[in-house]
Amino acid sequence: MSKTAQDVMTKNVIAVEENMMINNLIELFQEHKISGAPVVNNKKKLIGIVTRTDILSSYIDAYIDLNVKFGLKDILGDTQEDSSTEILFDEDVKVKNIMILNPVTVREDTPIKEMAEIMIDNNIHRLIIMRNSIIAGIVSTIDMLYYVAGRNRDE
């Protein structure tokens, strides 16, 4: 019998709410030593996924926007168009501002080989495992590596 998502998934999934502030998300990731989490709305329905990469990308984009805005201001002078430029980079940034919508999900009975193909085809590092419409677990690339190595994650 081939192994399935249920055999390799992390069952105690930490999901975050879409209105969580980014600073709180960073603290949560550090505290629990995780690099990604499913995002749920106020009804606990899965709506997205957020990762350290999304956090970093948002800061890099804001940094680039700041440099472009102020660099162009020096070159072009202060214009009406330039003064209306908004930069999304402050403490009020929420998870919903940086998350990826409609994350890839699979069922608990999905074979590991199929999960690997899905991860490769979608260039993603985690799959959310669903039981009906409820988050049952998560499988990351590290979970897959433990499986391939024949090791238990708790070792």
N, C-alpha and C. Protein backbone atom coordinates (compact mmCIF):
# COMPACT_ATOMS: atom_id res chain seq x y z
N MET A 1 0.84 -1.18 0.00
CA MET A 1 0.00 0.00 0.00
C MET A 1 0.89 1.25 0.00
N SER A 2 0.65 2.16 -0.92
CA SER A 2 1.50 3.34 -1.01
C SER A 2 1.11 4.36 0.06
N LYS A 3 2.10 5.13 0.44
CA LYS A 3 1.89 6.15 1.47
C LYS A 3 1.11 7.33 0.87
N THR A 4 0.38 8.00 1.75
CA THR A 4 -0.45 9.13 1.34
C THR A 4 -0.12 10.36 2.19
N ALA A 5 -0.79 11.45 1.87
CA ALA A 5 -0.60 12.70 2.61
C ALA A 5 -0.77 12.49 4.10
N GLN A 6 -1.74 11.68 4.46
CA GLN A 6 -2.03 11.43 5.87
C GLN A 6 -0.81 10.84 6.60
N ASP A 7 0.02 10.10 5.89
CA ASP A 7 1.18 9.45 6.51
C ASP A 7 2.35 10.40 6.77
N VAL A 8 2.41 11.50 6.04
CA VAL A 8 3.57 12.40 6.17
C VAL A 8 3.23 13.81 6.62
N MET A 9 1.96 14.12 6.69
CA MET A 9 1.56 15.50 6.99
C MET A 9 1.79 15.87 8.45
N THR A 10 2.01 17.16 8.67
CA THR A 10 2.02 17.72 10.01
C THR A 10 0.57 17.98 10.36
N LYS A 11 0.13 17.39 11.47
CA LYS A 11 -1.30 17.45 11.81
C LYS A 11 -1.68 18.69 12.61
N ASN A 12 -0.78 19.17 13.45
CA ASN A 12 -1.09 20.35 14.27
C ASN A 12 -0.71 21.61 13.50
N VAL A 13 -1.59 22.00 12.60
CA VAL A 13 -1.32 23.13 11.72
C VAL A 13 -1.64 24.44 12.42
N ILE A 14 -0.73 25.37 12.29
CA ILE A 14 -0.96 26.72 12.80
C ILE A 14 -1.47 27.56 11.64
N ALA A 15 -2.75 27.89 11.69
CA ALA A 15 -3.34 28.75 10.66
C ALA A 15 -3.39 30.17 11.22
N VAL A 16 -3.29 31.15 10.33
CA VAL A 16 -3.32 32.54 10.75
C VAL A 16 -4.52 33.24 10.12
N GLU A 17 -5.01 34.25 10.79
CA GLU A 17 -6.14 35.00 10.26
C GLU A 17 -5.67 36.08 9.30
N GLU A 18 -6.49 36.36 8.32
CA GLU A 18 -6.13 37.31 7.27
C GLU A 18 -5.84 38.72 7.80
N ASN A 19 -6.42 39.09 8.93
CA ASN A 19 -6.22 40.43 9.48
C ASN A 19 -5.08 40.52 10.49
N MET A 20 -4.33 39.45 10.65
CA MET A 20 -3.16 39.48 11.53
C MET A 20 -2.13 40.46 10.97
N MET A 21 -1.52 41.22 11.84
CA MET A 21 -0.48 42.16 11.43
C MET A 21 0.80 41.40 11.10
N ILE A 22 1.55 41.91 10.14
CA ILE A 22 2.78 41.25 9.69
C ILE A 22 3.76 41.07 10.84
N ASN A 23 3.91 42.06 11.69
CA ASN A 23 4.85 41.94 12.81
C ASN A 23 4.48 40.76 13.71
N ASN A 24 3.18 40.55 13.94
CA ASN A 24 2.73 39.41 14.74
C ASN A 24 2.98 38.09 14.01
N LEU A 25 2.84 38.11 12.70
CA LEU A 25 3.11 36.92 11.89
C LEU A 25 4.58 36.52 12.01
N ILE A 26 5.46 37.50 11.91
CA ILE A 26 6.89 37.22 12.02
C ILE A 26 7.20 36.61 13.38
N GLU A 27 6.64 37.16 14.43
CA GLU A 27 6.85 36.62 15.79
C GLU A 27 6.34 35.19 15.88
N LEU A 28 5.17 34.93 15.30
CA LEU A 28 4.58 33.58 15.34
C LEU A 28 5.48 32.58 14.61
N PHE A 29 5.97 32.96 13.43
CA PHE A 29 6.87 32.08 12.67
C PHE A 29 8.12 31.78 13.48
N GLN A 30 8.69 32.79 14.12
CA GLN A 30 9.90 32.58 14.93
C GLN A 30 9.62 31.70 16.13
N GLU A 31 8.54 31.98 16.82
CA GLU A 31 8.18 31.23 18.03
C GLU A 31 7.97 29.74 17.74
N HIS A 32 7.30 29.44 16.64
CA HIS A 32 6.95 28.05 16.32
C HIS A 32 7.92 27.41 15.33
N LYS A 33 8.94 28.17 14.92
CA LYS A 33 9.95 27.67 13.98
C LYS A 33 9.30 27.11 12.72
N ILE A 34 8.41 27.92 12.14
CA ILE A 34 7.76 27.55 10.88
C ILE A 34 8.05 28.63 9.84
N SER A 35 7.85 28.27 8.59
CA SER A 35 8.13 29.23 7.52
C SER A 35 6.92 29.52 6.65
N GLY A 36 5.78 28.98 7.02
CA GLY A 36 4.57 29.23 6.25
C GLY A 36 3.35 28.78 7.02
N ALA A 37 2.20 29.33 6.64
CA ALA A 37 0.96 28.96 7.33
C ALA A 37 -0.24 29.21 6.41
N PRO A 38 -1.25 28.36 6.55
CA PRO A 38 -2.51 28.63 5.84
C PRO A 38 -3.14 29.90 6.42
N VAL A 39 -3.88 30.61 5.58
CA VAL A 39 -4.58 31.82 6.02
C VAL A 39 -6.08 31.53 5.97
N VAL A 40 -6.76 31.89 7.06
CA VAL A 40 -8.20 31.68 7.15
C VAL A 40 -8.91 33.02 7.36
N ASN A 41 -10.18 33.06 6.97
CA ASN A 41 -10.97 34.26 7.22
C ASN A 41 -11.61 34.17 8.60
N ASN A 42 -12.49 35.11 8.93
CA ASN A 42 -13.09 35.12 10.27
C ASN A 42 -14.04 33.94 10.50
N LYS A 43 -14.39 33.22 9.43
CA LYS A 43 -15.23 32.02 9.56
C LYS A 43 -14.39 30.75 9.56
N LYS A 44 -13.06 30.92 9.65
CA LYS A 44 -12.07 29.82 9.67
C LYS A 44 -12.01 29.06 8.35
N LYS A 45 -12.45 29.69 7.27
CA LYS A 45 -12.39 29.08 5.94
C LYS A 45 -11.05 29.41 5.29
N LEU A 46 -10.41 28.41 4.70
CA LEU A 46 -9.12 28.60 4.03
C LEU A 46 -9.27 29.56 2.86
N ILE A 47 -8.42 30.61 2.86
CA ILE A 47 -8.48 31.58 1.76
C ILE A 47 -7.12 31.84 1.13
N GLY A 48 -6.04 31.39 1.80
CA GLY A 48 -4.72 31.68 1.25
C GLY A 48 -3.62 30.97 2.01
N ILE A 49 -2.40 31.34 1.65
CA ILE A 49 -1.22 30.83 2.35
C ILE A 49 -0.22 31.98 2.39
N VAL A 50 0.55 32.04 3.47
CA VAL A 50 1.56 33.07 3.62
C VAL A 50 2.86 32.42 4.08
N THR A 51 3.98 32.89 3.54
CA THR A 51 5.28 32.31 3.86
C THR A 51 6.29 33.41 4.18
N ARG A 52 7.43 32.98 4.68
CA ARG A 52 8.53 33.93 4.92
C ARG A 52 8.91 34.63 3.62
N THR A 53 8.85 33.92 2.51
CA THR A 53 9.17 34.52 1.22
C THR A 53 8.22 35.67 0.90
N ASP A 54 6.94 35.51 1.23
CA ASP A 54 5.96 36.57 0.99
C ASP A 54 6.29 37.80 1.84
N ILE A 55 6.69 37.55 3.09
CA ILE A 55 7.07 38.65 3.98
C ILE A 55 8.27 39.38 3.40
N LEU A 56 9.30 38.62 3.04
CA LEU A 56 10.52 39.21 2.50
C LEU A 56 10.23 39.97 1.21
N SER A 57 9.43 39.39 0.34
CA SER A 57 9.08 40.04 -0.93
C SER A 57 8.38 41.37 -0.69
N SER A 58 7.49 41.40 0.31
CA SER A 58 6.78 42.66 0.57
C SER A 58 7.75 43.74 1.04
N TYR A 59 8.75 43.36 1.84
CA TYR A 59 9.73 44.34 2.30
C TYR A 59 10.65 44.77 1.16
N ILE A 60 11.03 43.84 0.32
CA ILE A 60 11.90 44.18 -0.82
C ILE A 60 11.15 45.10 -1.78
N ASP A 61 9.88 44.79 -2.07
CA ASP A 61 9.08 45.64 -2.95
C ASP A 61 8.96 47.04 -2.39
N ALA A 62 8.72 47.14 -1.08
CA ALA A 62 8.59 48.45 -0.45
C ALA A 62 9.91 49.21 -0.52
N TYR A 63 11.02 48.52 -0.32
CA TYR A 63 12.33 49.14 -0.38
C TYR A 63 12.60 49.67 -1.79
N ILE A 64 12.28 48.87 -2.78
CA ILE A 64 12.47 49.29 -4.17
C ILE A 64 11.56 50.48 -4.47
N ASP A 65 10.30 50.42 -4.03
CA ASP A 65 9.38 51.53 -4.25
C ASP A 65 9.91 52.82 -3.62
N LEU A 66 10.45 52.71 -2.41
CA LEU A 66 11.00 53.89 -1.75
C LEU A 66 12.16 54.48 -2.54
N ASN A 67 13.05 53.62 -3.00
CA ASN A 67 14.20 54.10 -3.77
C ASN A 67 13.78 54.72 -5.09
N VAL A 68 12.83 54.09 -5.76
CA VAL A 68 12.36 54.63 -7.04
C VAL A 68 11.66 55.97 -6.81
N LYS A 69 10.79 56.02 -5.81
CA LYS A 69 10.04 57.26 -5.56
C LYS A 69 10.99 58.41 -5.24
N PHE A 70 11.88 58.19 -4.30
CA PHE A 70 12.74 59.28 -3.88
C PHE A 70 13.87 59.53 -4.87
N GLY A 71 14.31 58.49 -5.57
CA GLY A 71 15.31 58.68 -6.61
C GLY A 71 14.75 59.50 -7.76
N LEU A 72 13.53 59.18 -8.20
CA LEU A 72 12.90 59.93 -9.28
C LEU A 72 12.55 61.35 -8.85
N LYS A 73 12.20 61.52 -7.60
CA LYS A 73 11.87 62.84 -7.10
C LYS A 73 13.09 63.76 -7.23
N ASP A 74 14.27 63.22 -6.93
CA ASP A 74 15.49 64.01 -7.07
C ASP A 74 15.74 64.40 -8.52
N ILE A 75 15.44 63.47 -9.43
CA ILE A 75 15.70 63.71 -10.85
C ILE A 75 14.65 64.61 -11.47
N LEU A 76 13.36 64.30 -11.21
CA LEU A 76 12.27 64.99 -11.89
C LEU A 76 11.74 66.19 -11.13
N GLY A 77 12.07 66.30 -9.90
CA GLY A 77 11.49 67.38 -9.09
C GLY A 77 10.17 66.92 -8.52
N ASP A 78 9.58 67.72 -7.65
CA ASP A 78 8.33 67.36 -6.99
C ASP A 78 7.16 67.70 -7.91
N THR A 79 6.47 66.66 -8.41
CA THR A 79 5.32 66.87 -9.29
C THR A 79 4.06 66.39 -8.62
N GLN A 80 2.93 66.78 -9.17
CA GLN A 80 1.63 66.35 -8.64
C GLN A 80 1.53 64.82 -8.65
N GLU A 81 1.95 64.20 -9.76
CA GLU A 81 1.86 62.74 -9.88
C GLU A 81 2.74 62.06 -8.85
N ASP A 82 3.94 62.58 -8.66
CA ASP A 82 4.87 61.97 -7.73
C ASP A 82 4.35 62.04 -6.30
N SER A 83 3.73 63.13 -5.91
CA SER A 83 3.29 63.29 -4.53
C SER A 83 2.10 62.38 -4.20
N SER A 84 1.42 61.83 -5.20
CA SER A 84 0.29 60.95 -4.93
C SER A 84 0.70 59.48 -4.84
N THR A 85 1.98 59.19 -5.05
CA THR A 85 2.45 57.81 -4.99
C THR A 85 2.32 57.29 -3.56
N GLU A 86 1.72 56.12 -3.43
CA GLU A 86 1.58 55.52 -2.10
C GLU A 86 2.50 54.32 -2.00
N ILE A 87 3.05 54.12 -0.83
CA ILE A 87 3.93 52.98 -0.59
C ILE A 87 3.34 52.15 0.54
N LEU A 88 3.07 50.90 0.25
CA LEU A 88 2.51 50.00 1.25
C LEU A 88 3.66 49.41 2.07
N PHE A 89 4.06 50.14 3.08
CA PHE A 89 5.18 49.67 3.90
C PHE A 89 5.12 50.36 5.24
N ASP A 90 4.30 49.83 6.12
CA ASP A 90 4.21 50.37 7.47
C ASP A 90 3.73 49.28 8.41
N GLU A 91 3.53 49.64 9.64
CA GLU A 91 3.15 48.66 10.65
C GLU A 91 1.73 48.16 10.48
N ASP A 92 0.94 48.79 9.62
CA ASP A 92 -0.45 48.39 9.44
C ASP A 92 -0.63 47.33 8.36
N VAL A 93 0.44 46.82 7.80
CA VAL A 93 0.34 45.79 6.77
C VAL A 93 -0.18 44.50 7.41
N LYS A 94 -1.17 43.92 6.77
CA LYS A 94 -1.79 42.70 7.28
C LYS A 94 -1.45 41.52 6.39
N VAL A 95 -1.67 40.34 6.92
CA VAL A 95 -1.42 39.11 6.18
C VAL A 95 -2.15 39.13 4.84
N LYS A 96 -3.39 39.61 4.82
CA LYS A 96 -4.16 39.62 3.58
C LYS A 96 -3.53 40.47 2.48
N ASN A 97 -2.64 41.40 2.87
CA ASN A 97 -1.95 42.24 1.89
C ASN A 97 -0.82 41.52 1.16
N ILE A 98 -0.32 40.43 1.75
CA ILE A 98 0.85 39.76 1.15
C ILE A 98 0.62 38.29 0.84
N MET A 99 -0.49 37.71 1.30
CA MET A 99 -0.71 36.27 1.14
C MET A 99 -0.96 35.91 -0.32
N ILE A 100 -0.80 34.63 -0.60
CA ILE A 100 -1.14 34.07 -1.91
C ILE A 100 -2.56 33.51 -1.79
N LEU A 101 -3.43 33.96 -2.68
CA LEU A 101 -4.82 33.49 -2.66
C LEU A 101 -4.93 32.08 -3.25
N ASN A 102 -5.97 31.39 -2.87
CA ASN A 102 -6.31 30.08 -3.42
C ASN A 102 -5.12 29.11 -3.42
N PRO A 103 -4.65 28.73 -2.23
CA PRO A 103 -3.51 27.82 -2.17
C PRO A 103 -3.86 26.45 -2.73
N VAL A 104 -2.83 25.74 -3.13
CA VAL A 104 -3.02 24.39 -3.66
C VAL A 104 -3.31 23.46 -2.49
N THR A 105 -4.37 22.68 -2.64
CA THR A 105 -4.76 21.75 -1.59
C THR A 105 -4.91 20.34 -2.17
N VAL A 106 -4.80 19.36 -1.28
CA VAL A 106 -5.05 17.96 -1.66
C VAL A 106 -5.79 17.30 -0.51
N ARG A 107 -6.33 16.12 -0.78
CA ARG A 107 -7.01 15.35 0.27
C ARG A 107 -6.02 14.47 1.01
N GLU A 108 -6.43 13.97 2.15
CA GLU A 108 -5.57 13.11 2.98
C GLU A 108 -5.16 11.82 2.27
N ASP A 109 -5.98 11.36 1.34
CA ASP A 109 -5.68 10.10 0.66
C ASP A 109 -4.86 10.29 -0.62
N THR A 110 -4.35 11.50 -0.84
CA THR A 110 -3.53 11.76 -2.03
C THR A 110 -2.19 11.06 -1.89
N PRO A 111 -1.80 10.23 -2.87
CA PRO A 111 -0.51 9.53 -2.81
C PRO A 111 0.67 10.52 -2.80
N ILE A 112 1.74 10.15 -2.13
CA ILE A 112 2.92 10.99 -2.00
C ILE A 112 3.50 11.34 -3.38
N LYS A 113 3.55 10.38 -4.28
CA LYS A 113 4.08 10.65 -5.62
C LYS A 113 3.27 11.75 -6.31
N GLU A 114 1.96 11.69 -6.17
CA GLU A 114 1.10 12.71 -6.77
C GLU A 114 1.35 14.07 -6.12
N MET A 115 1.55 14.08 -4.80
CA MET A 115 1.84 15.34 -4.11
C MET A 115 3.16 15.94 -4.62
N ALA A 116 4.16 15.09 -4.81
CA ALA A 116 5.45 15.57 -5.32
C ALA A 116 5.28 16.18 -6.70
N GLU A 117 4.50 15.53 -7.56
CA GLU A 117 4.25 16.06 -8.90
C GLU A 117 3.55 17.42 -8.83
N ILE A 118 2.57 17.54 -7.95
CA ILE A 118 1.83 18.80 -7.80
C ILE A 118 2.77 19.91 -7.32
N MET A 119 3.63 19.59 -6.36
CA MET A 119 4.57 20.59 -5.84
C MET A 119 5.55 21.03 -6.93
N ILE A 120 6.04 20.09 -7.70
CA ILE A 120 6.97 20.41 -8.79
C ILE A 120 6.26 21.25 -9.86
N ASP A 121 5.09 20.79 -10.30
CA ASP A 121 4.36 21.47 -11.37
C ASP A 121 3.96 22.90 -10.99
N ASN A 122 3.69 23.13 -9.71
CA ASN A 122 3.25 24.45 -9.25
C ASN A 122 4.38 25.27 -8.62
N ASN A 123 5.58 24.68 -8.57
CA ASN A 123 6.75 25.35 -7.99
C ASN A 123 6.44 25.88 -6.59
N ILE A 124 5.91 24.98 -5.74
CA ILE A 124 5.55 25.36 -4.37
C ILE A 124 6.24 24.43 -3.38
N HIS A 125 6.32 24.88 -2.13
CA HIS A 125 7.02 24.13 -1.09
C HIS A 125 6.10 23.54 -0.04
N ARG A 126 4.81 23.79 -0.15
CA ARG A 126 3.88 23.20 0.81
C ARG A 126 2.51 23.00 0.19
N LEU A 127 1.87 21.95 0.65
CA LEU A 127 0.50 21.63 0.25
C LEU A 127 -0.36 21.61 1.50
N ILE A 128 -1.53 22.17 1.40
CA ILE A 128 -2.47 22.12 2.53
C ILE A 128 -3.36 20.90 2.32
N ILE A 129 -3.46 20.09 3.37
CA ILE A 129 -4.23 18.86 3.30
C ILE A 129 -5.61 19.13 3.88
N MET A 130 -6.63 18.82 3.09
CA MET A 130 -8.01 19.10 3.50
C MET A 130 -8.79 17.82 3.78
N ARG A 131 -9.64 17.91 4.76
CA ARG A 131 -10.61 16.86 5.06
C ARG A 131 -11.97 17.54 4.95
N ASN A 132 -12.69 17.22 3.89
CA ASN A 132 -13.90 17.96 3.52
C ASN A 132 -13.49 19.42 3.30
N SER A 133 -13.98 20.35 4.06
CA SER A 133 -13.55 21.75 3.87
C SER A 133 -12.76 22.26 5.07
N ILE A 134 -12.17 21.33 5.82
CA ILE A 134 -11.41 21.68 7.03
C ILE A 134 -9.94 21.35 6.81
N ILE A 135 -9.06 22.22 7.31
CA ILE A 135 -7.62 21.97 7.22
C ILE A 135 -7.26 20.81 8.15
N ALA A 136 -6.73 19.74 7.56
CA ALA A 136 -6.37 18.55 8.34
C ALA A 136 -4.87 18.48 8.59
N GLY A 137 -4.09 19.13 7.73
CA GLY A 137 -2.65 19.06 7.87
C GLY A 137 -1.95 19.89 6.82
N ILE A 138 -0.63 19.80 6.85
CA ILE A 138 0.18 20.48 5.86
C ILE A 138 1.39 19.60 5.55
N VAL A 139 1.80 19.57 4.31
CA VAL A 139 2.98 18.81 3.91
C VAL A 139 3.94 19.80 3.25
N SER A 140 5.16 19.82 3.76
CA SER A 140 6.19 20.71 3.20
C SER A 140 7.24 19.88 2.48
N THR A 141 8.12 20.56 1.78
CA THR A 141 9.19 19.85 1.08
C THR A 141 10.07 19.10 2.08
N ILE A 142 10.24 19.64 3.28
CA ILE A 142 11.06 18.94 4.28
C ILE A 142 10.36 17.64 4.71
N ASP A 143 9.04 17.65 4.81
CA ASP A 143 8.30 16.42 5.12
C ASP A 143 8.53 15.37 4.04
N MET A 144 8.55 15.81 2.80
CA MET A 144 8.78 14.91 1.67
C MET A 144 10.21 14.35 1.72
N LEU A 145 11.17 15.19 2.08
CA LEU A 145 12.56 14.72 2.18
C LEU A 145 12.73 13.68 3.29
N TYR A 146 12.08 13.90 4.42
CA TYR A 146 12.13 12.90 5.49
C TYR A 146 11.56 11.57 4.99
N TYR A 147 10.47 11.64 4.25
CA TYR A 147 9.87 10.42 3.71
C TYR A 147 10.85 9.71 2.77
N VAL A 148 11.44 10.45 1.84
CA VAL A 148 12.36 9.87 0.87
C VAL A 148 13.57 9.26 1.58
N ALA A 149 14.03 9.93 2.64
CA ALA A 149 15.19 9.44 3.41
C ALA A 149 14.82 8.27 4.31
N GLY A 150 13.54 7.96 4.40
CA GLY A 150 13.10 6.85 5.26
C GLY A 150 13.22 7.17 6.74
N ARG A 151 13.15 8.44 7.06
CA ARG A 151 13.29 8.85 8.45
C ARG A 151 12.00 9.43 8.99
N ASN A 152 11.83 9.32 10.30
CA ASN A 152 10.70 9.89 10.98
C ASN A 152 11.06 11.32 11.37
N ARG A 153 10.18 12.24 11.19
CA ARG A 153 10.45 13.65 11.48
C ARG A 153 10.76 13.87 12.97
N ASP A 154 10.30 13.01 13.84
CA ASP A 154 10.51 13.15 15.27
C ASP A 154 11.84 12.61 15.76
N GLU A 155 12.65 12.05 14.83
CA GLU A 155 13.94 11.46 15.24
C GLU A 155 14.91 12.51 15.69
